[in-house]
């Protein structure tokens, strides 16, 4: 895997340091998700984008969206970005901040279901070797 350039590395670090309360809440659950072979990373650079959470092995991205994602310009940007991720074989699952705050169990159930779907889709078994992260 090629080394990240300094700008991308600094950008990812800056984004991780500036996580929202909702992103931090979800991260506390994702980093210890009880499914073997699941490893999420925060704000990792992928094709010039920095998804909130990504599992490269599962090709699964989890996004936490605040109110600004409801504006037209941001909606268009998000659509382009999602299409790019999907063209690379990733599945993107998005949640609104209020869902993290008020419906965390439902959010986690949706993520667990997406993890199982990706494992099945990619023919992965628990504990199987694969790409890290």
N, C-alpha and C. Protein backbone atom coordinates (compact mmCIF):
# COMPACT_ATOMS: atom_id res chain seq x y z
N UNK A 1 0.86 -1.18 0.00
CA UNK A 1 0.00 0.00 0.00
C UNK A 1 0.90 1.24 0.00
N UNK A 2 0.65 2.21 -0.87
CA UNK A 2 1.50 3.40 -0.91
C UNK A 2 1.35 4.22 0.37
N UNK A 3 2.44 4.89 0.72
CA UNK A 3 2.40 5.75 1.90
C UNK A 3 1.52 6.96 1.63
N UNK A 4 0.81 7.38 2.66
CA UNK A 4 0.00 8.60 2.54
C UNK A 4 0.92 9.80 2.50
N UNK A 5 0.57 10.76 1.67
CA UNK A 5 1.38 11.96 1.69
C UNK A 5 1.09 12.75 2.97
N UNK A 6 1.98 13.65 3.30
CA UNK A 6 1.89 14.39 4.56
C UNK A 6 0.58 15.15 4.70
N UNK A 7 0.09 15.76 3.62
CA UNK A 7 -1.16 16.52 3.67
C UNK A 7 -2.33 15.62 4.04
N UNK A 8 -2.43 14.46 3.40
CA UNK A 8 -3.54 13.55 3.69
C UNK A 8 -3.46 13.04 5.12
N UNK A 9 -2.26 12.74 5.57
CA UNK A 9 -2.08 12.26 6.93
C UNK A 9 -2.49 13.33 7.94
N UNK A 10 -2.05 14.57 7.71
CA UNK A 10 -2.42 15.66 8.62
C UNK A 10 -3.92 15.94 8.57
N UNK A 11 -4.51 15.86 7.38
CA UNK A 11 -5.96 16.07 7.26
C UNK A 11 -6.73 15.02 8.04
N UNK A 12 -6.33 13.77 7.91
CA UNK A 12 -7.01 12.70 8.63
C UNK A 12 -6.86 12.89 10.14
N UNK A 13 -5.68 13.26 10.59
CA UNK A 13 -5.47 13.50 12.03
C UNK A 13 -6.34 14.64 12.53
N UNK A 14 -6.41 15.70 11.74
CA UNK A 14 -7.22 16.86 12.12
C UNK A 14 -8.71 16.48 12.22
N UNK A 15 -9.18 15.71 11.27
CA UNK A 15 -10.58 15.27 11.29
C UNK A 15 -10.87 14.36 12.48
N UNK A 16 -9.93 13.46 12.79
CA UNK A 16 -10.13 12.58 13.95
C UNK A 16 -10.18 13.38 15.24
N UNK A 17 -9.36 14.41 15.33
CA UNK A 17 -9.33 15.25 16.54
C UNK A 17 -10.60 16.08 16.68
N UNK A 18 -11.28 16.36 15.57
CA UNK A 18 -12.46 17.23 15.58
C UNK A 18 -13.76 16.45 15.45
N UNK A 19 -13.76 15.20 15.86
CA UNK A 19 -14.97 14.39 15.76
C UNK A 19 -16.10 15.02 16.57
N UNK A 20 -17.31 14.88 16.05
CA UNK A 20 -18.48 15.38 16.77
C UNK A 20 -18.81 14.42 17.92
N UNK A 21 -19.67 14.88 18.81
CA UNK A 21 -20.10 14.04 19.93
C UNK A 21 -20.73 12.74 19.41
N UNK A 22 -21.54 12.85 18.36
CA UNK A 22 -22.20 11.68 17.80
C UNK A 22 -21.18 10.71 17.18
N UNK A 23 -20.18 11.25 16.49
CA UNK A 23 -19.14 10.39 15.92
C UNK A 23 -18.36 9.68 17.03
N UNK A 24 -18.04 10.40 18.10
CA UNK A 24 -17.33 9.77 19.22
C UNK A 24 -18.17 8.67 19.85
N UNK A 25 -19.47 8.94 20.01
CA UNK A 25 -20.37 7.93 20.58
C UNK A 25 -20.37 6.67 19.72
N UNK A 26 -20.53 6.84 18.42
CA UNK A 26 -20.56 5.68 17.53
C UNK A 26 -19.21 4.97 17.51
N UNK A 27 -18.12 5.73 17.51
CA UNK A 27 -16.79 5.14 17.49
C UNK A 27 -16.55 4.23 18.69
N UNK A 28 -17.03 4.63 19.86
CA UNK A 28 -16.87 3.79 21.06
C UNK A 28 -17.48 2.41 20.85
N UNK A 29 -18.48 2.32 20.00
CA UNK A 29 -19.11 1.02 19.72
C UNK A 29 -18.44 0.32 18.53
N UNK A 30 -18.05 1.08 17.52
CA UNK A 30 -17.49 0.45 16.31
C UNK A 30 -16.12 -0.17 16.56
N UNK A 31 -15.29 0.47 17.37
CA UNK A 31 -13.93 -0.07 17.53
C UNK A 31 -13.93 -1.38 18.29
N UNK A 32 -15.03 -1.68 18.97
CA UNK A 32 -15.11 -2.95 19.70
C UNK A 32 -16.30 -3.79 19.24
N UNK A 33 -16.69 -3.61 18.01
CA UNK A 33 -17.84 -4.34 17.46
C UNK A 33 -17.59 -5.84 17.65
N UNK A 34 -18.58 -6.57 18.16
CA UNK A 34 -18.36 -7.96 18.54
C UNK A 34 -18.48 -8.95 17.39
N UNK A 35 -17.90 -8.63 16.26
CA UNK A 35 -17.93 -9.53 15.11
C UNK A 35 -16.49 -9.75 14.68
N UNK A 36 -16.06 -10.99 14.72
CA UNK A 36 -14.69 -11.34 14.36
C UNK A 36 -14.35 -10.84 12.95
N UNK A 37 -13.17 -10.28 12.80
CA UNK A 37 -12.71 -9.84 11.50
C UNK A 37 -13.19 -8.46 11.10
N UNK A 38 -13.91 -7.79 11.99
CA UNK A 38 -14.41 -6.45 11.70
C UNK A 38 -13.44 -5.46 12.29
N UNK A 39 -12.94 -4.58 11.48
CA UNK A 39 -12.02 -3.56 11.97
C UNK A 39 -12.35 -2.25 11.26
N UNK A 40 -12.87 -1.30 12.03
CA UNK A 40 -13.18 0.01 11.47
C UNK A 40 -12.06 0.98 11.79
N UNK A 41 -11.82 1.89 10.86
CA UNK A 41 -10.86 2.97 11.05
C UNK A 41 -11.62 4.28 10.96
N UNK A 42 -11.09 5.31 11.62
CA UNK A 42 -11.71 6.63 11.61
C UNK A 42 -11.01 7.52 10.59
N UNK A 43 -11.80 8.22 9.80
CA UNK A 43 -11.31 9.27 8.92
C UNK A 43 -10.07 8.85 8.13
N UNK A 44 -10.09 7.65 7.58
CA UNK A 44 -8.97 7.17 6.76
C UNK A 44 -9.16 7.69 5.33
N UNK A 45 -8.08 8.12 4.72
CA UNK A 45 -8.14 8.66 3.36
C UNK A 45 -8.37 7.54 2.35
N UNK A 46 -9.40 7.74 1.51
CA UNK A 46 -9.72 6.78 0.45
C UNK A 46 -10.09 7.59 -0.78
N UNK A 47 -9.24 7.55 -1.79
CA UNK A 47 -9.53 8.26 -3.03
C UNK A 47 -9.75 9.75 -2.86
N UNK A 48 -9.07 10.35 -1.92
CA UNK A 48 -9.22 11.78 -1.69
C UNK A 48 -10.38 12.13 -0.77
N UNK A 49 -11.11 11.13 -0.31
CA UNK A 49 -12.22 11.34 0.63
C UNK A 49 -11.81 10.81 2.00
N UNK A 50 -12.53 11.28 3.02
CA UNK A 50 -12.27 10.86 4.39
C UNK A 50 -13.58 10.40 5.04
N UNK A 51 -14.00 9.17 4.78
CA UNK A 51 -15.25 8.71 5.39
C UNK A 51 -15.11 8.68 6.91
N UNK A 52 -16.23 8.88 7.60
CA UNK A 52 -16.19 8.90 9.06
C UNK A 52 -15.60 7.60 9.60
N UNK A 53 -16.13 6.47 9.13
CA UNK A 53 -15.66 5.16 9.59
C UNK A 53 -15.64 4.22 8.39
N UNK A 54 -14.58 3.41 8.31
CA UNK A 54 -14.45 2.51 7.17
C UNK A 54 -13.84 1.19 7.60
N UNK A 55 -14.38 0.11 7.07
CA UNK A 55 -13.77 -1.20 7.17
C UNK A 55 -13.36 -1.58 5.75
N UNK A 56 -12.06 -1.56 5.49
CA UNK A 56 -11.58 -1.91 4.15
C UNK A 56 -11.88 -3.38 3.84
N UNK A 57 -11.71 -4.23 4.82
CA UNK A 57 -11.93 -5.67 4.60
C UNK A 57 -13.36 -5.94 4.19
N UNK A 58 -14.31 -5.27 4.86
CA UNK A 58 -15.72 -5.47 4.54
C UNK A 58 -16.21 -4.56 3.42
N UNK A 59 -15.36 -3.60 3.04
CA UNK A 59 -15.76 -2.59 2.05
C UNK A 59 -17.07 -1.94 2.50
N UNK A 60 -17.05 -1.50 3.77
CA UNK A 60 -18.21 -0.89 4.40
C UNK A 60 -17.83 0.45 5.00
N UNK A 61 -18.63 1.46 4.68
CA UNK A 61 -18.42 2.82 5.18
C UNK A 61 -19.64 3.22 5.99
N UNK A 62 -19.39 3.82 7.15
CA UNK A 62 -20.46 4.34 8.00
C UNK A 62 -20.24 5.84 8.14
N UNK A 63 -21.25 6.61 7.78
CA UNK A 63 -21.20 8.07 7.86
C UNK A 63 -22.19 8.58 8.89
N UNK A 64 -21.79 9.63 9.60
CA UNK A 64 -22.66 10.32 10.55
C UNK A 64 -22.84 11.73 10.03
N UNK A 65 -24.08 12.08 9.69
CA UNK A 65 -24.36 13.36 9.04
C UNK A 65 -25.06 14.33 9.97
N UNK A 66 -24.54 15.56 9.99
CA UNK A 66 -25.18 16.64 10.72
C UNK A 66 -26.13 17.40 9.82
N UNK A 67 -26.73 18.45 10.35
CA UNK A 67 -27.76 19.20 9.62
C UNK A 67 -27.26 19.75 8.29
N UNK A 68 -25.98 20.11 8.20
CA UNK A 68 -25.47 20.71 6.95
C UNK A 68 -25.52 19.74 5.77
N UNK A 69 -25.64 18.46 6.05
CA UNK A 69 -25.75 17.48 4.96
C UNK A 69 -27.12 17.53 4.29
N UNK A 70 -28.04 18.31 4.85
CA UNK A 70 -29.36 18.48 4.26
C UNK A 70 -29.44 19.60 3.25
N UNK A 71 -28.38 20.41 3.14
CA UNK A 71 -28.37 21.52 2.18
C UNK A 71 -28.04 21.00 0.78
N UNK A 72 -28.62 21.66 -0.24
CA UNK A 72 -28.49 21.19 -1.62
C UNK A 72 -27.05 20.94 -2.06
N UNK A 73 -26.15 21.90 -1.82
CA UNK A 73 -24.76 21.73 -2.26
C UNK A 73 -24.12 20.51 -1.59
N UNK A 74 -24.36 20.37 -0.31
CA UNK A 74 -23.78 19.23 0.41
C UNK A 74 -24.42 17.92 -0.03
N UNK A 75 -25.73 17.94 -0.29
CA UNK A 75 -26.40 16.74 -0.80
C UNK A 75 -25.78 16.27 -2.11
N UNK A 76 -25.53 17.22 -3.01
CA UNK A 76 -24.91 16.87 -4.30
C UNK A 76 -23.51 16.30 -4.09
N UNK A 77 -22.74 16.94 -3.22
CA UNK A 77 -21.38 16.46 -2.93
C UNK A 77 -21.45 15.04 -2.36
N UNK A 78 -22.36 14.83 -1.41
CA UNK A 78 -22.49 13.51 -0.79
C UNK A 78 -22.90 12.45 -1.81
N UNK A 79 -23.77 12.80 -2.75
CA UNK A 79 -24.20 11.86 -3.79
C UNK A 79 -23.03 11.46 -4.68
N UNK A 80 -22.21 12.43 -5.08
CA UNK A 80 -21.04 12.15 -5.92
C UNK A 80 -20.07 11.24 -5.16
N UNK A 81 -19.83 11.58 -3.93
CA UNK A 81 -18.91 10.82 -3.09
C UNK A 81 -19.42 9.38 -2.90
N UNK A 82 -20.70 9.24 -2.58
CA UNK A 82 -21.27 7.90 -2.39
C UNK A 82 -21.18 7.08 -3.67
N UNK A 83 -21.49 7.70 -4.80
CA UNK A 83 -21.38 6.98 -6.09
C UNK A 83 -19.94 6.52 -6.32
N UNK A 84 -18.97 7.37 -5.97
CA UNK A 84 -17.57 6.98 -6.16
C UNK A 84 -17.24 5.78 -5.27
N UNK A 85 -17.62 5.85 -3.99
CA UNK A 85 -17.36 4.72 -3.09
C UNK A 85 -18.01 3.44 -3.63
N UNK A 86 -19.25 3.55 -4.07
CA UNK A 86 -19.96 2.38 -4.60
C UNK A 86 -19.27 1.84 -5.85
N UNK A 87 -18.73 2.72 -6.68
CA UNK A 87 -18.01 2.27 -7.88
C UNK A 87 -16.74 1.51 -7.52
N UNK A 88 -16.25 1.71 -6.30
CA UNK A 88 -15.07 1.00 -5.82
C UNK A 88 -15.44 -0.25 -5.02
N UNK A 89 -16.75 -0.56 -4.98
CA UNK A 89 -17.22 -1.76 -4.31
C UNK A 89 -17.61 -1.59 -2.85
N UNK A 90 -17.62 -0.36 -2.36
CA UNK A 90 -18.00 -0.11 -0.96
C UNK A 90 -19.51 0.03 -0.82
N UNK A 91 -20.01 -0.35 0.33
CA UNK A 91 -21.39 -0.05 0.70
C UNK A 91 -21.32 1.09 1.71
N UNK A 92 -22.17 2.09 1.52
CA UNK A 92 -22.19 3.26 2.39
C UNK A 92 -23.49 3.26 3.18
N UNK A 93 -23.36 3.37 4.50
CA UNK A 93 -24.51 3.44 5.40
C UNK A 93 -24.42 4.77 6.13
N UNK A 94 -25.49 5.57 6.04
CA UNK A 94 -25.48 6.91 6.65
C UNK A 94 -26.53 7.03 7.74
N UNK A 95 -26.18 7.79 8.76
CA UNK A 95 -27.10 8.07 9.86
C UNK A 95 -27.04 9.56 10.17
N UNK A 96 -28.16 10.10 10.60
CA UNK A 96 -28.22 11.48 11.05
C UNK A 96 -27.77 11.55 12.51
N UNK A 97 -27.24 12.70 12.91
CA UNK A 97 -26.82 12.89 14.30
C UNK A 97 -27.91 12.50 15.28
N UNK A 98 -29.15 12.93 15.00
CA UNK A 98 -30.23 12.67 15.95
C UNK A 98 -30.49 11.17 16.11
N UNK A 99 -30.18 10.38 15.07
CA UNK A 99 -30.35 8.93 15.19
C UNK A 99 -29.33 8.35 16.17
N UNK A 100 -28.11 8.87 16.13
CA UNK A 100 -27.08 8.41 17.06
C UNK A 100 -27.48 8.77 18.49
N UNK A 101 -28.00 9.98 18.66
CA UNK A 101 -28.39 10.44 20.00
C UNK A 101 -29.60 9.69 20.54
N UNK A 102 -30.60 9.46 19.70
CA UNK A 102 -31.90 8.98 20.18
C UNK A 102 -32.22 7.53 19.87
N UNK A 103 -31.52 6.94 18.91
CA UNK A 103 -31.86 5.58 18.46
C UNK A 103 -30.61 4.73 18.28
N UNK A 104 -29.68 4.84 19.22
CA UNK A 104 -28.38 4.18 19.06
C UNK A 104 -28.51 2.67 18.87
N UNK A 105 -29.38 2.02 19.62
CA UNK A 105 -29.54 0.57 19.47
C UNK A 105 -29.97 0.20 18.05
N UNK A 106 -30.88 0.97 17.49
CA UNK A 106 -31.34 0.72 16.12
C UNK A 106 -30.21 0.95 15.12
N UNK A 107 -29.43 2.01 15.34
CA UNK A 107 -28.27 2.30 14.48
C UNK A 107 -27.29 1.13 14.51
N UNK A 108 -26.97 0.66 15.72
CA UNK A 108 -26.04 -0.46 15.85
C UNK A 108 -26.59 -1.73 15.21
N UNK A 109 -27.88 -1.98 15.36
CA UNK A 109 -28.49 -3.14 14.70
C UNK A 109 -28.34 -3.05 13.18
N UNK A 110 -28.54 -1.85 12.63
CA UNK A 110 -28.39 -1.64 11.19
C UNK A 110 -26.95 -1.89 10.76
N UNK A 111 -26.00 -1.42 11.55
CA UNK A 111 -24.58 -1.62 11.22
C UNK A 111 -24.23 -3.11 11.31
N UNK A 112 -24.68 -3.79 12.36
CA UNK A 112 -24.41 -5.23 12.48
C UNK A 112 -24.98 -5.99 11.29
N UNK A 113 -26.18 -5.62 10.87
CA UNK A 113 -26.79 -6.27 9.70
C UNK A 113 -25.97 -6.00 8.45
N UNK A 114 -25.47 -4.78 8.29
CA UNK A 114 -24.63 -4.44 7.13
C UNK A 114 -23.32 -5.23 7.17
N UNK A 115 -22.75 -5.40 8.36
CA UNK A 115 -21.53 -6.19 8.52
C UNK A 115 -21.78 -7.62 8.05
N UNK A 116 -22.85 -8.22 8.52
CA UNK A 116 -23.17 -9.60 8.14
C UNK A 116 -23.44 -9.71 6.64
N UNK A 117 -24.15 -8.72 6.09
CA UNK A 117 -24.43 -8.71 4.65
C UNK A 117 -23.14 -8.62 3.85
N UNK A 118 -22.22 -7.77 4.29
CA UNK A 118 -20.95 -7.61 3.57
C UNK A 118 -20.11 -8.88 3.67
N UNK A 119 -20.09 -9.49 4.84
CA UNK A 119 -19.34 -10.74 5.00
C UNK A 119 -19.88 -11.79 4.04
N UNK A 120 -21.20 -11.89 3.94
CA UNK A 120 -21.83 -12.85 3.04
C UNK A 120 -21.54 -12.49 1.59
N UNK A 121 -21.71 -11.22 1.25
CA UNK A 121 -21.50 -10.74 -0.12
C UNK A 121 -20.06 -10.97 -0.57
N UNK A 122 -19.12 -10.75 0.33
CA UNK A 122 -17.71 -10.89 0.00
C UNK A 122 -17.17 -12.28 0.31
N UNK A 123 -18.07 -13.18 0.77
CA UNK A 123 -17.71 -14.56 1.10
C UNK A 123 -16.60 -14.63 2.14
N UNK A 124 -16.75 -13.81 3.19
CA UNK A 124 -15.78 -13.80 4.29
C UNK A 124 -16.33 -14.62 5.44
N UNK A 125 -15.43 -15.29 6.13
CA UNK A 125 -15.81 -16.04 7.33
C UNK A 125 -15.19 -15.34 8.53
N UNK A 126 -15.77 -15.57 9.70
CA UNK A 126 -15.16 -15.05 10.92
C UNK A 126 -13.75 -15.61 11.04
N UNK A 127 -12.80 -14.70 11.30
CA UNK A 127 -11.42 -15.11 11.48
C UNK A 127 -10.67 -15.35 10.20
N UNK A 128 -11.32 -15.18 9.05
CA UNK A 128 -10.64 -15.41 7.77
C UNK A 128 -9.62 -14.32 7.52
N UNK A 129 -8.56 -14.68 6.84
CA UNK A 129 -7.54 -13.69 6.50
C UNK A 129 -8.09 -12.72 5.48
N UNK A 130 -7.61 -11.51 5.53
CA UNK A 130 -8.06 -10.52 4.56
C UNK A 130 -7.28 -9.24 4.72
N UNK A 131 -7.69 -8.25 4.00
CA UNK A 131 -7.04 -6.95 4.06
C UNK A 131 -7.25 -6.36 5.44
N UNK A 132 -6.22 -5.84 6.04
CA UNK A 132 -6.36 -5.20 7.35
C UNK A 132 -7.17 -3.93 7.24
N UNK A 133 -7.80 -3.55 8.37
CA UNK A 133 -8.53 -2.28 8.41
C UNK A 133 -9.84 -2.40 7.80
